[in-house]
Amino acid sequence: MGTREIFRENLKFYRKKAGFTQEELSEKIGYGYTYITEIESRHKFPKPETIDLIAETLKIEPSKLFEQEHKETRLATINKEELVSDLSDEIYKKLCIDLHTRISEEVSKVLL
């Protein structure tokens, strides 16, 4: 697993542990409400100063976002209801993004 993927998994883990949604954390650090979603879904990667801001907001050391831990350790700290809810949210967001993209493409074809 690469550094960026480790970062994304850790970001998601520590964000949830701190009780933030993606939108809430995005707003807390002063970015648009989809910023953390875009990081976690591999569309963006933050600058070093933003990583520091994220870590500060999550009340962790920035290095924690890059440490590789065993998934089993993380899964033991997440309850099943939360996991199902999070997975449902992620699937819903992915479907909405895909649908929005498809609609935009079709509208562009009609207008052009």
Protein backbone atom coordinates (compact mmCIF):
# COMPACT_ATOMS: atom_id res chain seq x y z
CA MET A 1 0.00 0.00 0.00
CA GLY A 2 1.37 3.41 -0.98
CA THR A 3 1.86 6.45 1.23
CA ARG A 4 -1.15 8.27 -0.17
CA GLU A 5 -3.45 5.29 0.40
CA ILE A 6 -2.16 4.93 3.96
CA PHE A 7 -2.83 8.64 4.46
CA ARG A 8 -6.39 8.33 3.13
CA GLU A 9 -7.19 5.33 5.32
CA ASN A 10 -5.75 7.04 8.39
CA LEU A 11 -7.58 10.28 7.62
CA LYS A 12 -10.86 8.41 7.40
CA PHE A 13 -10.12 6.44 10.59
CA TYR A 14 -9.10 9.46 12.70
CA ARG A 15 -11.90 11.62 11.26
CA LYS A 16 -14.50 9.07 12.31
CA LYS A 17 -12.81 8.53 15.65
CA ALA A 18 -13.07 12.29 16.26
CA GLY A 19 -16.76 12.18 15.32
CA PHE A 20 -16.57 14.33 12.17
CA THR A 21 -18.36 13.75 8.89
CA GLN A 22 -16.39 14.55 5.76
CA GLU A 23 -18.34 17.77 5.37
CA GLU A 24 -17.84 18.83 8.99
CA LEU A 25 -14.08 18.33 8.85
CA SER A 26 -13.89 20.17 5.52
CA GLU A 27 -15.66 23.15 7.01
CA LYS A 28 -13.64 23.04 10.26
CA ILE A 29 -10.40 23.42 8.32
CA GLY A 30 -11.85 26.20 6.17
CA TYR A 31 -12.34 24.40 2.87
CA GLY A 32 -15.42 23.69 0.77
CA TYR A 33 -17.73 21.02 2.14
CA THR A 34 -16.51 18.37 -0.35
CA TYR A 35 -12.76 18.80 0.26
CA ILE A 36 -12.29 15.83 2.61
CA THR A 37 -14.56 13.70 0.39
CA GLU A 38 -12.29 14.48 -2.55
CA ILE A 39 -9.19 13.50 -0.56
CA GLU A 40 -10.70 10.28 0.75
CA SER A 41 -11.97 9.33 -2.71
CA ARG A 42 -8.53 9.84 -4.33
CA HIS A 43 -9.36 12.98 -6.31
CA LYS A 44 -7.09 15.31 -4.32
CA PHE A 45 -4.12 15.18 -1.99
CA PRO A 46 -3.53 17.97 0.52
CA LYS A 47 -0.53 20.28 0.77
CA PRO A 48 1.77 19.87 3.81
CA GLU A 49 0.29 22.90 5.59
CA THR A 50 -3.21 21.48 5.07
CA ILE A 51 -2.09 18.14 6.50
CA ASP A 52 -0.91 20.02 9.60
CA LEU A 53 -4.27 21.79 9.85
CA ILE A 54 -6.18 18.52 9.48
CA ALA A 55 -4.06 16.85 12.17
CA GLU A 56 -4.50 19.82 14.51
CA THR A 57 -8.27 19.70 14.03
CA LEU A 58 -8.30 15.94 14.68
CA LYS A 59 -6.06 16.49 17.73
CA ILE A 60 -3.35 14.10 16.50
CA GLU A 61 0.24 14.43 15.39
CA PRO A 62 0.55 14.79 11.59
CA SER A 63 2.78 11.69 11.51
CA LYS A 64 -0.21 9.60 12.67
CA LEU A 65 -1.77 10.18 9.24
CA PHE A 66 1.14 8.36 7.61
CA GLU A 67 1.66 5.43 10.00
CA GLN A 68 0.75 2.03 8.64
CA GLU A 69 -1.31 0.07 11.14
CA HIS A 70 -3.00 -3.27 10.91
CA LYS A 71 -6.58 -3.09 9.66
CA GLU A 72 -7.65 -5.58 12.31
CA THR A 73 -6.65 -3.09 15.01
CA ARG A 74 -8.75 -0.38 13.41
CA LEU A 75 -11.76 -2.61 12.78
CA ALA A 76 -11.81 -3.62 16.43
CA THR A 77 -12.45 0.03 17.37
CA ILE A 78 -15.35 0.57 14.95
CA ASN A 79 -18.76 -0.84 15.77
CA LYS A 80 -20.78 -2.72 13.14
CA GLU A 81 -23.64 -0.20 12.95
CA GLU A 82 -21.17 2.63 12.30
CA LEU A 83 -19.41 0.57 9.65
CA VAL A 84 -22.66 -0.24 7.82
CA SER A 85 -23.71 3.40 8.00
CA ASP A 86 -20.36 4.59 6.67
CA LEU A 87 -20.39 2.09 3.83
CA SER A 88 -23.94 3.10 2.91
CA ASP A 89 -22.92 6.76 2.89
CA GLU A 90 -19.89 6.06 0.69
CA ILE A 91 -21.95 4.02 -1.80
CA TYR A 92 -24.62 6.72 -1.92
CA LYS A 93 -22.03 9.46 -2.55
CA LYS A 94 -20.34 7.42 -5.27
CA LEU A 95 -23.68 6.81 -6.98
CA CYS A 96 -24.56 10.52 -6.77
CA ILE A 97 -21.19 11.56 -8.22
CA ASP A 98 -21.53 9.01 -11.04
CA LEU A 99 -25.09 10.09 -11.77
CA HIS A 100 -24.11 13.76 -11.78
CA THR A 101 -21.27 13.03 -14.21
CA ARG A 102 -23.55 11.09 -16.53
CA ILE A 103 -26.23 13.77 -16.49
CA SER A 104 -23.63 16.48 -17.17
CA GLU A 105 -22.26 14.50 -20.11
CA GLU A 106 -25.73 13.99 -21.60
CA VAL A 107 -26.68 17.63 -21.14
CA SER A 108 -23.41 18.67 -22.80
CA LYS A 109 -24.17 16.42 -25.78
CA VAL A 110 -27.61 17.93 -26.19
CA LEU A 111 -26.41 21.53 -25.86
CA LEU A 112 -23.38 21.14 -28.12
